[in-house]
Amino acid sequence: MSAALTAAIKPAATFSFSVSADGIDDEYVAAAKNGVLTTLLAQSYVSVLACNVELSGFRDGGQDASYAAFFMVAKEATERLQGVFPGFKHNIDWGGGQL
């Protein structure tokens, strides 16, 4: 499996999600969105949805591209940005740990 994308996340008053994926199959865009949303919702606290998410720079691996590849790369990018990926720290202040 092979896929790549660029992800950014920042605090916002409301949830927003933007995608720039010219020339990428709609199935792969859906997979990336699903990967991001699944990861955000898995955190089990509402403040994580007070953010702006941007996906861009989609690159597929040709014959190695798949729904699963884009889902996983988006999931991993979101985990890294949130600081829930092993060995990474938060790059965003989700309220100082207070829920």
PDB file of N, CA and C in Angstrom:
ATOM      1  N   MET A   1       0.845  -1.169   0.000  1.00  0.00           N
ATOM      2  CA  MET A   1       0.000   0.000   0.000  1.00  0.00           C
ATOM      3  C   MET A   1       0.893   1.235   0.000  1.00  0.00           C
ATOM      4  N   SER A   2       0.455   2.261  -0.733  1.00  0.00           N
ATOM      5  CA  SER A   2       1.232   3.476  -0.786  1.00  0.00           C
ATOM      6  C   SER A   2       0.319   4.685  -0.994  1.00  0.00           C
ATOM      7  N   ALA A   3       0.476   5.689  -0.135  1.00  0.00           N
ATOM      8  CA  ALA A   3      -0.277   6.932  -0.228  1.00  0.00           C
ATOM      9  C   ALA A   3       0.425   7.978   0.616  1.00  0.00           C
ATOM     10  N   ALA A   4       0.183   9.250   0.307  1.00  0.00           N
ATOM     11  CA  ALA A   4       0.750  10.338   1.093  1.00  0.00           C
ATOM     12  C   ALA A   4      -0.181  11.531   1.014  1.00  0.00           C
ATOM     13  N   LEU A   5      -0.139  12.362   2.041  1.00  0.00           N
ATOM     14  CA  LEU A   5      -0.894  13.603   2.054  1.00  0.00           C
ATOM     15  C   LEU A   5      -0.296  14.523   3.094  1.00  0.00           C
ATOM     16  N   THR A   6      -0.732  15.771   3.074  1.00  0.00           N
ATOM     17  CA  THR A   6      -0.314  16.754   4.056  1.00  0.00           C
ATOM     18  C   THR A   6      -1.534  17.102   4.891  1.00  0.00           C
ATOM     19  N   ALA A   7      -1.359  17.168   6.200  1.00  0.00           N
ATOM     20  CA  ALA A   7      -2.473  17.473   7.099  1.00  0.00           C
ATOM     21  C   ALA A   7      -2.076  18.602   8.038  1.00  0.00           C
ATOM     22  N   ALA A   8      -3.052  19.438   8.363  1.00  0.00           N
ATOM     23  CA  ALA A   8      -2.852  20.508   9.335  1.00  0.00           C
ATOM     24  C   ALA A   8      -4.084  20.562  10.224  1.00  0.00           C
ATOM     25  N   ILE A   9      -3.870  20.892  11.490  1.00  0.00           N
ATOM     26  CA  ILE A   9      -4.981  21.004  12.429  1.00  0.00           C
ATOM     27  C   ILE A   9      -4.686  22.178  13.352  1.00  0.00           C
ATOM     28  N   LYS A  10      -5.736  22.959  13.659  1.00  0.00           N
ATOM     29  CA  LYS A  10      -5.573  24.090  14.570  1.00  0.00           C
ATOM     30  C   LYS A  10      -6.879  24.328  15.302  1.00  0.00           C
ATOM     31  N   PRO A  11      -6.826  24.948  16.482  1.00  0.00           N
ATOM     32  CA  PRO A  11      -8.046  25.228  17.235  1.00  0.00           C
ATOM     33  C   PRO A  11      -8.970  26.151  16.437  1.00  0.00           C
ATOM     34  N   ALA A  12     -10.270  26.010  16.627  1.00  0.00           N
ATOM     35  CA  ALA A  12     -11.267  26.857  15.974  1.00  0.00           C
ATOM     36  C   ALA A  12     -12.522  26.884  16.838  1.00  0.00           C
ATOM     37  N   ALA A  13     -13.368  27.870  16.595  1.00  0.00           N
ATOM     38  CA  ALA A  13     -14.611  27.986  17.364  1.00  0.00           C
ATOM     39  C   ALA A  13     -15.563  26.835  17.047  1.00  0.00           C
ATOM     40  N   THR A  14     -15.547  26.381  15.810  1.00  0.00           N
ATOM     41  CA  THR A  14     -16.396  25.276  15.380  1.00  0.00           C
ATOM     42  C   THR A  14     -15.568  24.328  14.521  1.00  0.00           C
ATOM     43  N   PHE A  15     -16.087  23.158  14.303  1.00  0.00           N
ATOM     44  CA  PHE A  15     -15.386  22.176  13.475  1.00  0.00           C
ATOM     45  C   PHE A  15     -15.497  22.553  12.006  1.00  0.00           C
ATOM     46  N   SER A  16     -14.384  22.499  11.308  1.00  0.00           N
ATOM     47  CA  SER A  16     -14.394  22.663   9.855  1.00  0.00           C
ATOM     48  C   SER A  16     -13.355  21.728   9.255  1.00  0.00           C
ATOM     49  N   PHE A  17     -13.620  21.324   8.044  1.00  0.00           N
ATOM     50  CA  PHE A  17     -12.794  20.323   7.379  1.00  0.00           C
ATOM     51  C   PHE A  17     -12.670  20.732   5.921  1.00  0.00           C
ATOM     52  N   SER A  18     -11.464  20.991   5.452  1.00  0.00           N
ATOM     53  CA  SER A  18     -11.279  21.346   4.049  1.00  0.00           C
ATOM     54  C   SER A  18     -10.295  20.378   3.403  1.00  0.00           C
ATOM     55  N   VAL A  19     -10.566  20.089   2.138  1.00  0.00           N
ATOM     56  CA  VAL A  19      -9.750  19.133   1.400  1.00  0.00           C
ATOM     57  C   VAL A  19      -9.412  19.715   0.040  1.00  0.00           C
ATOM     58  N   SER A  20      -8.146  19.659  -0.313  1.00  0.00           N
ATOM     59  CA  SER A  20      -7.687  20.041  -1.644  1.00  0.00           C
ATOM     60  C   SER A  20      -7.019  18.807  -2.240  1.00  0.00           C
ATOM     61  N   ALA A  21      -7.729  18.165  -3.178  1.00  0.00           N
ATOM     62  CA  ALA A  21      -7.241  16.887  -3.707  1.00  0.00           C
ATOM     63  C   ALA A  21      -7.505  16.776  -5.209  1.00  0.00           C
ATOM     64  N   ASP A  22      -6.976  17.706  -5.971  1.00  0.00           N
ATOM     65  CA  ASP A  22      -7.162  17.688  -7.419  1.00  0.00           C
ATOM     66  C   ASP A  22      -6.549  16.436  -8.036  1.00  0.00           C
ATOM     67  N   GLY A  23      -7.330  15.778  -8.879  1.00  0.00           N
ATOM     68  CA  GLY A  23      -6.832  14.614  -9.608  1.00  0.00           C
ATOM     69  C   GLY A  23      -6.759  13.329  -8.813  1.00  0.00           C
ATOM     70  N   ILE A  24      -7.294  13.321  -7.589  1.00  0.00           N
ATOM     71  CA  ILE A  24      -7.275  12.119  -6.754  1.00  0.00           C
ATOM     72  C   ILE A  24      -8.657  11.485  -6.774  1.00  0.00           C
ATOM     73  N   ASP A  25      -8.711  10.193  -6.884  1.00  0.00           N
ATOM     74  CA  ASP A  25      -9.964   9.441  -6.913  1.00  0.00           C
ATOM     75  C   ASP A  25     -10.814   9.783  -5.691  1.00  0.00           C
ATOM     76  N   ASP A  26     -12.117   9.971  -5.893  1.00  0.00           N
ATOM     77  CA  ASP A  26     -13.039  10.304  -4.799  1.00  0.00           C
ATOM     78  C   ASP A  26     -13.002   9.278  -3.668  1.00  0.00           C
ATOM     79  N   GLU A  27     -12.777   8.020  -4.002  1.00  0.00           N
ATOM     80  CA  GLU A  27     -12.701   6.967  -2.986  1.00  0.00           C
ATOM     81  C   GLU A  27     -11.529   7.221  -2.041  1.00  0.00           C
ATOM     82  N   TYR A  28     -10.415   7.687  -2.581  1.00  0.00           N
ATOM     83  CA  TYR A  28      -9.238   7.956  -1.745  1.00  0.00           C
ATOM     84  C   TYR A  28      -9.456   9.181  -0.866  1.00  0.00           C
ATOM     85  N   VAL A  29     -10.152  10.192  -1.382  1.00  0.00           N
ATOM     86  CA  VAL A  29     -10.481  11.367  -0.575  1.00  0.00           C
ATOM     87  C   VAL A  29     -11.395  10.955   0.572  1.00  0.00           C
ATOM     88  N   ALA A  30     -12.396  10.127   0.268  1.00  0.00           N
ATOM     89  CA  ALA A  30     -13.307   9.631   1.317  1.00  0.00           C
ATOM     90  C   ALA A  30     -12.539   8.838   2.369  1.00  0.00           C
ATOM     91  N   ALA A  31     -11.581   8.044   1.945  1.00  0.00           N
ATOM     92  CA  ALA A  31     -10.783   7.257   2.884  1.00  0.00           C
ATOM     93  C   ALA A  31      -9.996   8.160   3.820  1.00  0.00           C
ATOM     94  N   ALA A  32      -9.397   9.217   3.281  1.00  0.00           N
ATOM     95  CA  ALA A  32      -8.623  10.148   4.105  1.00  0.00           C
ATOM     96  C   ALA A  32      -9.534  10.869   5.097  1.00  0.00           C
ATOM     97  N   LYS A  33     -10.691  11.326   4.635  1.00  0.00           N
ATOM     98  CA  LYS A  33     -11.641  11.970   5.543  1.00  0.00           C
ATOM     99  C   LYS A  33     -12.055  11.016   6.660  1.00  0.00           C
ATOM    100  N   ASN A  34     -12.337   9.790   6.300  1.00  0.00           N
ATOM    101  CA  ASN A  34     -12.734   8.782   7.282  1.00  0.00           C
ATOM    102  C   ASN A  34     -11.611   8.552   8.293  1.00  0.00           C
ATOM    103  N   GLY A  35     -10.384   8.500   7.842  1.00  0.00           N
ATOM    104  CA  GLY A  35      -9.248   8.318   8.749  1.00  0.00           C
ATOM    105  C   GLY A  35      -9.127   9.442   9.754  1.00  0.00           C
ATOM    106  N   VAL A  36      -9.317  10.682   9.293  1.00  0.00           N
ATOM    107  CA  VAL A  36      -9.247  11.842  10.188  1.00  0.00           C
ATOM    108  C   VAL A  36     -10.395  11.812  11.192  1.00  0.00           C
ATOM    109  N   LEU A  37     -11.619  11.661  10.700  1.00  0.00           N
ATOM    110  CA  LEU A  37     -12.785  11.687  11.591  1.00  0.00           C
ATOM    111  C   LEU A  37     -12.779  10.538  12.582  1.00  0.00           C
ATOM    112  N   THR A  38     -12.386   9.360  12.140  1.00  0.00           N
ATOM    113  CA  THR A  38     -12.307   8.212  13.044  1.00  0.00           C
ATOM    114  C   THR A  38     -11.325   8.494  14.175  1.00  0.00           C
ATOM    115  N   THR A  39     -10.201   9.076  13.854  1.00  0.00           N
ATOM    116  CA  THR A  39      -9.179   9.373  14.860  1.00  0.00           C
ATOM    117  C   THR A  39      -9.652  10.455  15.819  1.00  0.00           C
ATOM    118  N   LEU A  40     -10.264  11.517  15.293  1.00  0.00           N
ATOM    119  CA  LEU A  40     -10.763  12.581  16.163  1.00  0.00           C
ATOM    120  C   LEU A  40     -11.829  12.060  17.115  1.00  0.00           C
ATOM    121  N   LEU A  41     -12.785  11.329  16.588  1.00  0.00           N
ATOM    122  CA  LEU A  41     -13.880  10.837  17.420  1.00  0.00           C
ATOM    123  C   LEU A  41     -13.441   9.769  18.414  1.00  0.00           C
ATOM    124  N   ALA A  42     -12.366   9.066  18.117  1.00  0.00           N
ATOM    125  CA  ALA A  42     -11.860   8.039  19.024  1.00  0.00           C
ATOM    126  C   ALA A  42     -11.263   8.642  20.295  1.00  0.00           C
ATOM    127  N   GLN A  43     -11.012   9.951  20.301  1.00  0.00           N
ATOM    128  CA  GLN A  43     -10.412  10.590  21.476  1.00  0.00           C
ATOM    129  C   GLN A  43     -11.407  10.756  22.610  1.00  0.00           C
ATOM    130  N   SER A  44     -12.693  10.634  22.315  1.00  0.00           N
ATOM    131  CA  SER A  44     -13.759  10.589  23.325  1.00  0.00           C
ATOM    132  C   SER A  44     -13.923  11.851  24.153  1.00  0.00           C
ATOM    133  N   TYR A  45     -13.542  12.986  23.632  1.00  0.00           N
ATOM    134  CA  TYR A  45     -13.881  14.226  24.313  1.00  0.00           C
ATOM    135  C   TYR A  45     -14.191  15.299  23.287  1.00  0.00           C
ATOM    136  N   VAL A  46     -15.210  16.101  23.591  1.00  0.00           N
ATOM    137  CA  VAL A  46     -15.802  17.023  22.633  1.00  0.00           C
ATOM    138  C   VAL A  46     -14.830  18.104  22.174  1.00  0.00           C
ATOM    139  N   SER A  47     -13.954  18.579  23.035  1.00  0.00           N
ATOM    140  CA  SER A  47     -13.082  19.697  22.659  1.00  0.00           C
ATOM    141  C   SER A  47     -12.234  19.385  21.437  1.00  0.00           C
ATOM    142  N   VAL A  48     -11.996  18.125  21.153  1.00  0.00           N
ATOM    143  CA  VAL A  48     -11.188  17.762  20.000  1.00  0.00           C
ATOM    144  C   VAL A  48     -11.892  18.124  18.691  1.00  0.00           C
ATOM    145  N   LEU A  49     -13.210  18.323  18.742  1.00  0.00           N
ATOM    146  CA  LEU A  49     -13.938  18.711  17.534  1.00  0.00           C
ATOM    147  C   LEU A  49     -13.995  20.223  17.345  1.00  0.00           C
ATOM    148  N   ALA A  50     -13.411  20.986  18.234  1.00  0.00           N
ATOM    149  CA  ALA A  50     -13.316  22.434  18.074  1.00  0.00           C
ATOM    150  C   ALA A  50     -12.012  22.740  17.343  1.00  0.00           C
ATOM    151  N   CYS A  51     -11.985  22.353  16.067  1.00  0.00           N
ATOM    152  CA  CYS A  51     -10.747  22.511  15.311  1.00  0.00           C
ATOM    153  C   CYS A  51     -11.028  22.672  13.817  1.00  0.00           C
ATOM    154  N   ASN A  52     -10.021  23.122  13.124  1.00  0.00           N
ATOM    155  CA  ASN A  52     -10.043  23.244  11.674  1.00  0.00           C
ATOM    156  C   ASN A  52      -9.030  22.245  11.145  1.00  0.00           C
ATOM    157  N   VAL A  53      -9.481  21.359  10.280  1.00  0.00           N
ATOM    158  CA  VAL A  53      -8.606  20.347   9.687  1.00  0.00           C
ATOM    159  C   VAL A  53      -8.467  20.640   8.197  1.00  0.00           C
ATOM    160  N   GLU A  54      -7.240  20.597   7.700  1.00  0.00           N
ATOM    161  CA  GLU A  54      -6.988  20.791   6.282  1.00  0.00           C
ATOM    162  C   GLU A  54      -6.177  19.611   5.753  1.00  0.00           C
ATOM    163  N   LEU A  55      -6.638  19.026   4.665  1.00  0.00           N
ATOM    164  CA  LEU A  55      -5.900  17.970   3.976  1.00  0.00           C
ATOM    165  C   LEU A  55      -5.532  18.470   2.586  1.00  0.00           C
ATOM    166  N   SER A  56      -4.304  18.230   2.182  1.00  0.00           N
ATOM    167  CA  SER A  56      -3.843  18.643   0.859  1.00  0.00           C
ATOM    168  C   SER A  56      -2.674  17.750   0.457  1.00  0.00           C
ATOM    169  N   GLY A  57      -2.074  18.040  -0.659  1.00  0.00           N
ATOM    170  CA  GLY A  57      -0.870  17.321  -1.084  1.00  0.00           C
ATOM    171  C   GLY A  57      -1.063  15.835  -1.267  1.00  0.00           C
ATOM    172  N   PHE A  58      -2.235  15.428  -1.711  1.00  0.00           N
ATOM    173  CA  PHE A  58      -2.501  14.002  -1.921  1.00  0.00           C
ATOM    174  C   PHE A  58      -1.578  13.446  -3.001  1.00  0.00           C
ATOM    175  N   ARG A  59      -0.977  12.302  -2.703  1.00  0.00           N
ATOM    176  CA  ARG A  59      -0.144  11.598  -3.679  1.00  0.00           C
ATOM    177  C   ARG A  59      -0.445  10.112  -3.560  1.00  0.00           C
ATOM    178  N   ASP A  60      -0.771   9.511  -4.676  1.00  0.00           N
ATOM    179  CA  ASP A  60      -1.026   8.074  -4.600  1.00  0.00           C
ATOM    180  C   ASP A  60       0.196   7.309  -5.098  1.00  0.00           C
ATOM    181  N   GLY A  61       0.267   6.069  -4.733  1.00  0.00           N
ATOM    182  CA  GLY A  61       1.407   5.232  -5.073  1.00  0.00           C
ATOM    183  C   GLY A  61       1.163   4.399  -6.318  1.00  0.00           C
ATOM    184  N   GLY A  62       0.352   4.928  -7.243  1.00  0.00           N
ATOM    185  CA  GLY A  62       0.077   4.182  -8.462  1.00  0.00           C
ATOM    186  C   GLY A  62      -0.705   2.924  -8.156  1.00  0.00           C
ATOM    187  N   GLN A  63      -0.206   1.803  -8.608  1.00  0.00           N
ATOM    188  CA  GLN A  63      -0.902   0.536  -8.388  1.00  0.00           C
ATOM    189  C   GLN A  63      -0.945   0.145  -6.919  1.00  0.00           C
ATOM    190  N   ASP A  64      -0.090   0.733  -6.106  1.00  0.00           N
ATOM    191  CA  ASP A  64      -0.067   0.409  -4.680  1.00  0.00           C
ATOM    192  C   ASP A  64      -1.048   1.260  -3.870  1.00  0.00           C
ATOM    193  N   ALA A  65      -1.720   2.231  -4.508  1.00  0.00           N
ATOM    194  CA  ALA A  65      -2.685   3.079  -3.804  1.00  0.00           C
ATOM    195  C   ALA A  65      -3.948   2.279  -3.515  1.00  0.00           C
ATOM    196  N   SER A  66      -4.589   2.576  -2.380  1.00  0.00           N
ATOM    197  CA  SER A  66      -5.827   1.895  -2.019  1.00  0.00           C
ATOM    198  C   SER A  66      -6.574   2.732  -0.987  1.00  0.00           C
ATOM    199  N   TYR A  67      -7.834   2.375  -0.762  1.00  0.00           N
ATOM    200  CA  TYR A  67      -8.633   3.004   0.282  1.00  0.00           C
ATOM    201  C   TYR A  67      -7.902   2.877   1.624  1.00  0.00           C
ATOM    202  N   ALA A  68      -7.434   1.679   1.915  1.00  0.00           N
ATOM    203  CA  ALA A  68      -6.768   1.426   3.198  1.00  0.00           C
ATOM    204  C   ALA A  68      -5.507   2.272   3.356  1.00  0.00           C
ATOM    205  N   ALA A  69      -4.768   2.473   2.282  1.00  0.00           N
ATOM    206  CA  ALA A  69      -3.533   3.266   2.359  1.00  0.00           C
ATOM    207  C   ALA A  69      -3.846   4.714   2.721  1.00  0.00           C
ATOM    208  N   PHE A  70      -4.869   5.294   2.085  1.00  0.00           N
ATOM    209  CA  PHE A  70      -5.215   6.678   2.396  1.00  0.00           C
ATOM    210  C   PHE A  70      -5.861   6.801   3.774  1.00  0.00           C
ATOM    211  N   PHE A  71      -6.646   5.834   4.185  1.00  0.00           N
ATOM    212  CA  PHE A  71      -7.215   5.839   5.528  1.00  0.00           C
ATOM    213  C   PHE A  71      -6.087   5.851   6.559  1.00  0.00           C
ATOM    214  N   MET A  72      -5.133   4.960   6.406  1.00  0.00           N
ATOM    215  CA  MET A  72      -4.054   4.832   7.393  1.00  0.00           C
ATOM    216  C   MET A  72      -3.136   6.051   7.426  1.00  0.00           C
ATOM    217  N   VAL A  73      -2.813   6.611   6.264  1.00  0.00           N
ATOM    218  CA  VAL A  73      -1.917   7.764   6.256  1.00  0.00           C
ATOM    219  C   VAL A  73      -2.607   8.978   6.888  1.00  0.00           C
ATOM    220  N   ALA A  74      -3.911   9.140   6.667  1.00  0.00           N
ATOM    221  CA  ALA A  74      -4.643  10.237   7.289  1.00  0.00           C
ATOM    222  C   ALA A  74      -4.791  10.010   8.793  1.00  0.00           C
ATOM    223  N   LYS A  75      -5.057   8.777   9.191  1.00  0.00           N
ATOM    224  CA  LYS A  75      -5.172   8.431  10.609  1.00  0.00           C
ATOM    225  C   LYS A  75      -3.849   8.717  11.327  1.00  0.00           C
ATOM    226  N   GLU A  76      -2.754   8.269  10.753  1.00  0.00           N
ATOM    227  CA  GLU A  76      -1.447   8.490  11.378  1.00  0.00           C
ATOM    228  C   GLU A  76      -1.116   9.981  11.444  1.00  0.00           C
ATOM    229  N   ALA A  77      -1.407  10.728  10.398  1.00  0.00           N
ATOM    230  CA  ALA A  77      -1.136  12.172  10.399  1.00  0.00           C
ATOM    231  C   ALA A  77      -1.932  12.860  11.508  1.00  0.00           C
ATOM    232  N   THR A  78      -3.184  12.494  11.668  1.00  0.00           N
ATOM    233  CA  THR A  78      -4.027  13.090  12.702  1.00  0.00           C
ATOM    234  C   THR A  78      -3.523  12.725  14.092  1.00  0.00           C
ATOM    235  N   GLU A  79      -3.132  11.487  14.286  1.00  0.00           N
ATOM    236  CA  GLU A  79      -2.576  11.071  15.580  1.00  0.00           C
ATOM    237  C   GLU A  79      -1.314  11.857  15.902  1.00  0.00           C
ATOM    238  N   ARG A  80      -0.467  12.040  14.930  1.00  0.00           N
ATOM    239  CA  ARG A  80       0.768  12.804  15.159  1.00  0.00           C
ATOM    240  C   ARG A  80       0.453  14.252  15.510  1.00  0.00           C
ATOM    241  N   LEU A  81      -0.483  14.859  14.780  1.00  0.00           N
ATOM    242  CA  LEU A  81      -0.841  16.250  15.053  1.00  0.00           C
ATOM    243  C   LEU A  81      -1.484  16.416  16.415  1.00  0.00           C
ATOM    244  N   GLN A  82      -2.237  15.424  16.858  1.00  0.00           N
ATOM    245  CA  GLN A  82      -2.876  15.471  18.177  1.00  0.00           C
ATOM    246  C   GLN A  82      -1.924  15.102  19.298  1.00  0.00           C
ATOM    247  N   GLY A  83      -0.840  14.470  18.975  1.00  0.00           N
ATOM    248  CA  GLY A  83       0.081  14.046  20.010  1.00  0.00           C
ATOM    249  C   GLY A  83      -0.284  12.726  20.641  1.00  0.00           C
ATOM    250  N   VAL A  84      -1.140  11.954  20.012  1.00  0.00           N
ATOM    251  CA  VAL A  84      -1.516  10.660  20.577  1.00  0.00           C
ATOM    252  C   VAL A  84      -0.719   9.524  19.955  1.00  0.00           C
ATOM    253  N   PHE A  85       0.115   9.837  19.001  1.00  0.00           N
ATOM    254  CA  PHE A  85       0.977   8.847  18.366  1.00  0.00           C
ATOM    255  C   PHE A  85       2.152   8.604  19.302  1.00  0.00           C
ATOM    256  N   PRO A  86       2.532   7.363  19.564  1.00  0.00           N
ATOM    257  CA  PRO A  86       3.624   7.088  20.501  1.00  0.00           C
ATOM    258  C   PRO A  86       4.890   7.887  20.172  1.00  0.00           C
ATOM    259  N   GLY A  87       5.433   8.551  21.186  1.00  0.00           N
ATOM    260  CA  GLY A  87       6.675   9.301  21.024  1.00  0.00           C
ATOM    261  C   GLY A  87       6.493  10.725  20.526  1.00  0.00           C
ATOM    262  N   PHE A  88       5.264  11.192  20.340  1.00  0.00           N
ATOM    263  CA  PHE A  88       5.017  12.544  19.862  1.00  0.00           C
ATOM    264  C   PHE A  88       4.289  13.341  20.933  1.00  0.00           C
ATOM    265  N   LYS A  89       4.478  14.659  20.900  1.00  0.00           N
ATOM    266  CA  LYS A  89       3.805  15.550  21.836  1.00  0.00           C
ATOM    267  C   LYS A  89       2.761  16.359  21.081  1.00  0.00           C
ATOM    268  N   HIS A  90       1.769  16.844  21.828  1.00  0.00           N
ATOM    269  CA  HIS A  90       0.718  17.659  21.228  1.00  0.00           C
ATOM    270  C   HIS A  90       1.314  18.883  20.539  1.00  0.00           C
ATOM    271  N   ASN A  91       0.787  19.224  19.353  1.00  0.00           N
ATOM    272  CA  ASN A  91       1.162  20.473  18.717  1.00  0.00           C
ATOM    273  C   ASN A  91       0.020  21.473  18.830  1.00  0.00           C
ATOM    274  N   ILE A  92      -1.001  21.118  19.604  1.00  0.00           N
ATOM    275  CA  ILE A  92      -2.177  21.961  19.730  1.00  0.00           C
ATOM    276  C   ILE A  92      -2.624  21.927  21.194  1.00  0.00           C
ATOM    277  N   ASP A  93      -3.056  23.074  21.715  1.00  0.00           N
ATOM    278  CA  ASP A  93      -3.513  23.145  23.098  1.00  0.00           C
ATOM    279  C   ASP A  93      -4.994  22.805  23.151  1.00  0.00           C
ATOM    280  N   TRP A  94      -5.297  21.623  23.641  1.00  0.00           N
ATOM    281  CA  TRP A  94      -6.692  21.183  23.716  1.00  0.00           C
ATOM    282  C   TRP A  94      -7.320  21.596  25.038  1.00  0.00           C
ATOM    283  N   GLY A  95      -6.826  22.651  25.639  1.00  0.00           N
ATOM    284  CA  GLY A  95      -7.437  23.140  26.877  1.00  0.00           C
ATOM    285  C   GLY A  95      -6.621  22.797  28.098  1.00  0.00           C
ATOM    286  N   GLY A  96      -5.336  22.554  27.957  1.00  0.00           N
ATOM    287  CA  GLY A  96      -4.479  22.278  29.087  1.00  0.00           C
ATOM    288  C   GLY A  96      -4.824  21.023  29.843  1.00  0.00           C
ATOM    289  N   GLY A  97      -5.483  20.083  29.180  1.00  0.00           N
ATOM    290  CA  GLY A  97      -5.823  18.832  29.813  1.00  0.00           C
ATOM    291  C   GLY A  97      -7.092  18.882  30.641  1.00  0.00           C
ATOM    292  N   GLN A  98      -7.718  20.049  30.704  1.00  0.00           N
ATOM    293  CA  GLN A  98      -8.965  20.186  31.468  1.00  0.00           C
ATOM    294  C   GLN A  98     -10.150  19.917  30.549  1.00  0.00           C
ATOM    295  N   LEU A  99     -11.003  19.026  30.962  1.00  0.00           N
ATOM    296  CA  LEU A  99     -12.196  18.708  30.171  1.00  0.00           C
ATOM    297  C   LEU A  99     -13.413  19.362  30.780  1.00  0.00           C
TER     298      LEU A  99
END
